């Protein structure tokens, strides 16, 4: 069994800024990729389009 311990994490301001900028870049790339995905249109009835002959 391990004895209980406490950890302390120090993030410098510059490091925090670097992490935030990286996350913003990742989010921007993700939005760009999602925008490029082709979303198929839902199936719906077609009105006003039929064969010119109807026999």
PDB file of N, CA and C in Angstrom:
ATOM      1  N   UNK A   1       0.831  -1.188   0.000  1.00  0.00           N
ATOM      2  CA  UNK A   1       0.000   0.000   0.000  1.00  0.00           C
ATOM      3  C   UNK A   1       0.873   1.248   0.000  1.00  0.00           C
ATOM      4  N   UNK A   2       0.501   2.210  -0.851  1.00  0.00           N
ATOM      5  CA  UNK A   2       1.290   3.442  -0.925  1.00  0.00           C
ATOM      6  C   UNK A   2       0.797   4.439   0.117  1.00  0.00           C
ATOM      7  N   UNK A   3       1.708   5.199   0.675  1.00  0.00           N
ATOM      8  CA  UNK A   3       1.270   6.252   1.595  1.00  0.00           C
ATOM      9  C   UNK A   3       0.592   7.381   0.804  1.00  0.00           C
ATOM     10  N   UNK A   4      -0.355   8.085   1.396  1.00  0.00           N
ATOM     11  CA  UNK A   4      -1.014   9.184   0.680  1.00  0.00           C
ATOM     12  C   UNK A   4      -0.011  10.288   0.357  1.00  0.00           C
ATOM     13  N   UNK A   5      -0.215  10.905  -0.770  1.00  0.00           N
ATOM     14  CA  UNK A   5       0.684  11.989  -1.160  1.00  0.00           C
ATOM     15  C   UNK A   5      -0.103  13.073  -1.889  1.00  0.00           C
ATOM     16  N   UNK A   6       0.480  14.214  -1.990  1.00  0.00           N
ATOM     17  CA  UNK A   6      -0.128  15.350  -2.666  1.00  0.00           C
ATOM     18  C   UNK A   6       0.779  15.764  -3.806  1.00  0.00           C
ATOM     19  N   UNK A   7       0.190  16.044  -4.949  1.00  0.00           N
ATOM     20  CA  UNK A   7       0.999  16.516  -6.069  1.00  0.00           C
ATOM     21  C   UNK A   7       0.662  17.973  -6.335  1.00  0.00           C
ATOM     22  N   UNK A   8       1.648  18.686  -6.767  1.00  0.00           N
ATOM     23  CA  UNK A   8       1.489  20.106  -7.045  1.00  0.00           C
ATOM     24  C   UNK A   8       1.957  20.352  -8.467  1.00  0.00           C
ATOM     25  N   UNK A   9       1.079  20.887  -9.292  1.00  0.00           N
ATOM     26  CA  UNK A   9       1.415  21.158 -10.678  1.00  0.00           C
ATOM     27  C   UNK A   9       1.467  22.661 -10.875  1.00  0.00           C
ATOM     28  N   UNK A  10       2.582  23.130 -11.391  1.00  0.00           N
ATOM     29  CA  UNK A  10       2.750  24.555 -11.648  1.00  0.00           C
ATOM     30  C   UNK A  10       2.827  24.744 -13.153  1.00  0.00           C
ATOM     31  N   UNK A  11       1.942  25.576 -13.678  1.00  0.00           N
ATOM     32  CA  UNK A  11       1.952  25.883 -15.099  1.00  0.00           C
ATOM     33  C   UNK A  11       2.272  27.354 -15.237  1.00  0.00           C
ATOM     34  N   UNK A  12       3.362  27.614 -15.899  1.00  0.00           N
ATOM     35  CA  UNK A  12       3.752  29.004 -16.101  1.00  0.00           C
ATOM     36  C   UNK A  12       2.783  29.678 -17.059  1.00  0.00           C
ATOM     37  N   UNK A  13       2.722  30.987 -17.020  1.00  0.00           N
ATOM     38  CA  UNK A  13       1.811  31.723 -17.869  1.00  0.00           C
ATOM     39  C   UNK A  13       2.099  31.440 -19.346  1.00  0.00           C
ATOM     40  N   UNK A  14       3.364  31.391 -19.701  1.00  0.00           N
ATOM     41  CA  UNK A  14       3.722  31.135 -21.094  1.00  0.00           C
ATOM     42  C   UNK A  14       3.256  29.743 -21.521  1.00  0.00           C
ATOM     43  N   UNK A  15       3.415  28.783 -20.624  1.00  0.00           N
ATOM     44  CA  UNK A  15       2.996  27.416 -20.935  1.00  0.00           C
ATOM     45  C   UNK A  15       1.482  27.362 -21.109  1.00  0.00           C
ATOM     46  N   UNK A  16       0.768  28.055 -20.252  1.00  0.00           N
ATOM     47  CA  UNK A  16      -0.691  28.083 -20.359  1.00  0.00           C
ATOM     48  C   UNK A  16      -1.104  28.692 -21.701  1.00  0.00           C
ATOM     49  N   UNK A  17      -0.430  29.763 -22.100  1.00  0.00           N
ATOM     50  CA  UNK A  17      -0.736  30.407 -23.377  1.00  0.00           C
ATOM     51  C   UNK A  17      -0.443  29.456 -24.530  1.00  0.00           C
ATOM     52  N   UNK A  18       0.680  28.743 -24.434  1.00  0.00           N
ATOM     53  CA  UNK A  18       1.050  27.809 -25.494  1.00  0.00           C
ATOM     54  C   UNK A  18       0.013  26.696 -25.616  1.00  0.00           C
ATOM     55  N   UNK A  19      -0.450  26.192 -24.488  1.00  0.00           N
ATOM     56  CA  UNK A  19      -1.465  25.134 -24.497  1.00  0.00           C
ATOM     57  C   UNK A  19      -2.771  25.661 -25.085  1.00  0.00           C
ATOM     58  N   UNK A  20      -3.165  26.876 -24.690  1.00  0.00           N
ATOM     59  CA  UNK A  20      -4.413  27.459 -25.196  1.00  0.00           C
ATOM     60  C   UNK A  20      -4.340  27.658 -26.703  1.00  0.00           C
ATOM     61  N   UNK A  21      -3.211  28.170 -27.197  1.00  0.00           N
ATOM     62  CA  UNK A  21      -3.069  28.381 -28.637  1.00  0.00           C
ATOM     63  C   UNK A  21      -3.120  27.053 -29.388  1.00  0.00           C
ATOM     64  N   UNK A  22      -2.507  26.018 -28.815  1.00  0.00           N
ATOM     65  CA  UNK A  22      -2.536  24.703 -29.457  1.00  0.00           C
ATOM     66  C   UNK A  22      -3.969  24.186 -29.531  1.00  0.00           C
ATOM     67  N   UNK A  23      -4.723  24.349 -28.433  1.00  0.00           N
ATOM     68  CA  UNK A  23      -6.118  23.901 -28.426  1.00  0.00           C
ATOM     69  C   UNK A  23      -6.954  24.682 -29.434  1.00  0.00           C
ATOM     70  N   UNK A  24      -6.690  25.974 -29.565  1.00  0.00           N
ATOM     71  CA  UNK A  24      -7.418  26.776 -30.549  1.00  0.00           C
ATOM     72  C   UNK A  24      -7.111  26.303 -31.963  1.00  0.00           C
ATOM     73  N   UNK A  25      -5.844  25.987 -32.234  1.00  0.00           N
ATOM     74  CA  UNK A  25      -5.481  25.476 -33.559  1.00  0.00           C
ATOM     75  C   UNK A  25      -6.173  24.148 -33.836  1.00  0.00           C
ATOM     76  N   UNK A  26      -6.190  23.272 -32.828  1.00  0.00           N
ATOM     77  CA  UNK A  26      -6.846  21.977 -32.996  1.00  0.00           C
ATOM     78  C   UNK A  26      -8.338  22.174 -33.287  1.00  0.00           C
ATOM     79  N   UNK A  27      -8.985  23.070 -32.551  1.00  0.00           N
ATOM     80  CA  UNK A  27     -10.415  23.320 -32.745  1.00  0.00           C
ATOM     81  C   UNK A  27     -10.674  23.891 -34.136  1.00  0.00           C
ATOM     82  N   UNK A  28      -9.800  24.774 -34.599  1.00  0.00           N
ATOM     83  CA  UNK A  28      -9.956  25.374 -35.922  1.00  0.00           C
ATOM     84  C   UNK A  28      -9.831  24.306 -37.010  1.00  0.00           C
ATOM     85  N   UNK A  29      -8.842  23.428 -36.880  1.00  0.00           N
ATOM     86  CA  UNK A  29      -8.679  22.353 -37.853  1.00  0.00           C
ATOM     87  C   UNK A  29      -9.881  21.413 -37.833  1.00  0.00           C
ATOM     88  N   UNK A  30     -10.388  21.136 -36.646  1.00  0.00           N
ATOM     89  CA  UNK A  30     -11.553  20.262 -36.527  1.00  0.00           C
ATOM     90  C   UNK A  30     -12.767  20.883 -37.219  1.00  0.00           C
ATOM     91  N   UNK A  31     -12.984  22.187 -37.015  1.00  0.00           N
ATOM     92  CA  UNK A  31     -14.103  22.868 -37.683  1.00  0.00           C
ATOM     93  C   UNK A  31     -13.923  22.831 -39.194  1.00  0.00           C
ATOM     94  N   UNK A  32     -12.682  23.032 -39.656  1.00  0.00           N
ATOM     95  CA  UNK A  32     -12.420  23.030 -41.095  1.00  0.00           C
ATOM     96  C   UNK A  32     -12.692  21.646 -41.686  1.00  0.00           C
ATOM     97  N   UNK A  33     -12.259  20.599 -40.976  1.00  0.00           N
ATOM     98  CA  UNK A  33     -12.505  19.236 -41.458  1.00  0.00           C
ATOM     99  C   UNK A  33     -13.992  18.927 -41.490  1.00  0.00           C
ATOM    100  N   UNK A  34     -14.721  19.347 -40.465  1.00  0.00           N
ATOM    101  CA  UNK A  34     -16.160  19.092 -40.437  1.00  0.00           C
ATOM    102  C   UNK A  34     -16.873  19.843 -41.557  1.00  0.00           C
ATOM    103  N   UNK A  35     -16.377  21.039 -41.902  1.00  0.00           N
ATOM    104  CA  UNK A  35     -17.004  21.814 -42.970  1.00  0.00           C
ATOM    105  C   UNK A  35     -16.786  21.147 -44.324  1.00  0.00           C
ATOM    106  N   UNK A  36     -15.690  20.415 -44.470  1.00  0.00           N
ATOM    107  CA  UNK A  36     -15.397  19.778 -45.751  1.00  0.00           C
ATOM    108  C   UNK A  36     -16.138  18.460 -45.933  1.00  0.00           C
ATOM    109  N   UNK A  37     -16.676  17.912 -44.845  1.00  0.00           N
ATOM    110  CA  UNK A  37     -17.412  16.663 -44.966  1.00  0.00           C
ATOM    111  C   UNK A  37     -18.670  16.886 -45.796  1.00  0.00           C
ATOM    112  N   UNK A  38     -18.950  15.953 -46.679  1.00  0.00           N
ATOM    113  CA  UNK A  38     -20.149  16.077 -47.487  1.00  0.00           C
ATOM    114  C   UNK A  38     -21.301  15.433 -46.732  1.00  0.00           C
ATOM    115  N   UNK A  39     -22.308  16.210 -46.470  1.00  0.00           N
ATOM    116  CA  UNK A  39     -23.488  15.699 -45.772  1.00  0.00           C
ATOM    117  C   UNK A  39     -24.558  15.430 -46.816  1.00  0.00           C
ATOM    118  N   UNK A  40     -25.014  14.199 -46.879  1.00  0.00           N
ATOM    119  CA  UNK A  40     -26.020  13.860 -47.872  1.00  0.00           C
ATOM    120  C   UNK A  40     -27.352  14.494 -47.492  1.00  0.00           C
ATOM    121  N   UNK A  41     -28.079  14.878 -48.502  1.00  0.00           N
ATOM    122  CA  UNK A  41     -29.386  15.487 -48.268  1.00  0.00           C
ATOM    123  C   UNK A  41     -30.376  14.405 -47.848  1.00  0.00           C
ATOM    124  N   UNK A  42     -31.349  14.755 -47.044  1.00  0.00           N
ATOM    125  CA  UNK A  42     -32.345  13.757 -46.640  1.00  0.00           C
ATOM    126  C   UNK A  42     -33.223  13.354 -47.824  1.00  0.00           C
ATOM    127  N   UNK A  43     -33.672  12.123 -47.831  1.00  0.00           N
ATOM    128  CA  UNK A  43     -34.561  11.668 -48.897  1.00  0.00           C
ATOM    129  C   UNK A  43     -35.898  12.380 -48.758  1.00  0.00           C
ATOM    130  N   UNK A  44     -36.388  12.865 -49.863  1.00  0.00           N
ATOM    131  CA  UNK A  44     -37.691  13.518 -49.828  1.00  0.00           C
ATOM    132  C   UNK A  44     -38.395  13.288 -51.159  1.00  0.00           C
ATOM    133  N   UNK A  45     -39.680  13.506 -51.150  1.00  0.00           N
ATOM    134  CA  UNK A  45     -40.463  13.285 -52.351  1.00  0.00           C
ATOM    135  C   UNK A  45     -40.080  14.305 -53.413  1.00  0.00           C
ATOM    136  N   UNK A  46     -40.138  13.866 -54.654  1.00  0.00           N
ATOM    137  CA  UNK A  46     -39.829  14.758 -55.771  1.00  0.00           C
ATOM    138  C   UNK A  46     -41.153  15.161 -56.404  1.00  0.00           C
ATOM    139  N   UNK A  47     -41.386  16.444 -56.458  1.00  0.00           N
ATOM    140  CA  UNK A  47     -42.618  16.958 -57.032  1.00  0.00           C
ATOM    141  C   UNK A  47     -42.317  17.592 -58.382  1.00  0.00           C
ATOM    142  N   UNK A  48     -43.216  17.407 -59.320  1.00  0.00           N
ATOM    143  CA  UNK A  48     -43.111  18.107 -60.592  1.00  0.00           C
ATOM    144  C   UNK A  48     -42.081  17.531 -61.539  1.00  0.00           C
ATOM    145  N   UNK A  49     -41.544  16.371 -61.256  1.00  0.00           N
ATOM    146  CA  UNK A  49     -40.599  15.747 -62.181  1.00  0.00           C
ATOM    147  C   UNK A  49     -41.110  14.347 -62.501  1.00  0.00           C
ATOM    148  N   UNK A  50     -41.479  14.143 -63.749  1.00  0.00           N
ATOM    149  CA  UNK A  50     -41.934  12.822 -64.176  1.00  0.00           C
ATOM    150  C   UNK A  50     -41.625  12.671 -65.657  1.00  0.00           C
ATOM    151  N   UNK A  51     -41.899  11.509 -66.160  1.00  0.00           N
ATOM    152  CA  UNK A  51     -41.652  11.277 -67.571  1.00  0.00           C
ATOM    153  C   UNK A  51     -42.568  12.168 -68.399  1.00  0.00           C
ATOM    154  N   UNK A  52     -42.052  12.556 -69.546  1.00  0.00           N
ATOM    155  CA  UNK A  52     -42.879  13.411 -70.386  1.00  0.00           C
ATOM    156  C   UNK A  52     -44.026  12.620 -71.005  1.00  0.00           C
ATOM    157  N   UNK A  53     -43.911  11.300 -71.076  1.00  0.00           N
ATOM    158  CA  UNK A  53     -45.021  10.484 -71.551  1.00  0.00           C
ATOM    159  C   UNK A  53     -45.633   9.764 -70.351  1.00  0.00           C
ATOM    160  N   UNK A  54     -46.895   9.457 -70.457  1.00  0.00           N
ATOM    161  CA  UNK A  54     -47.545   8.800 -69.324  1.00  0.00           C
ATOM    162  C   UNK A  54     -48.501   7.711 -69.806  1.00  0.00           C
ATOM    163  N   UNK A  55     -47.971   6.809 -70.622  1.00  0.00           N
ATOM    164  CA  UNK A  55     -48.819   5.693 -71.009  1.00  0.00           C
ATOM    165  C   UNK A  55     -48.308   4.421 -70.406  1.00  0.00           C
TER     166      UNK A  55
END
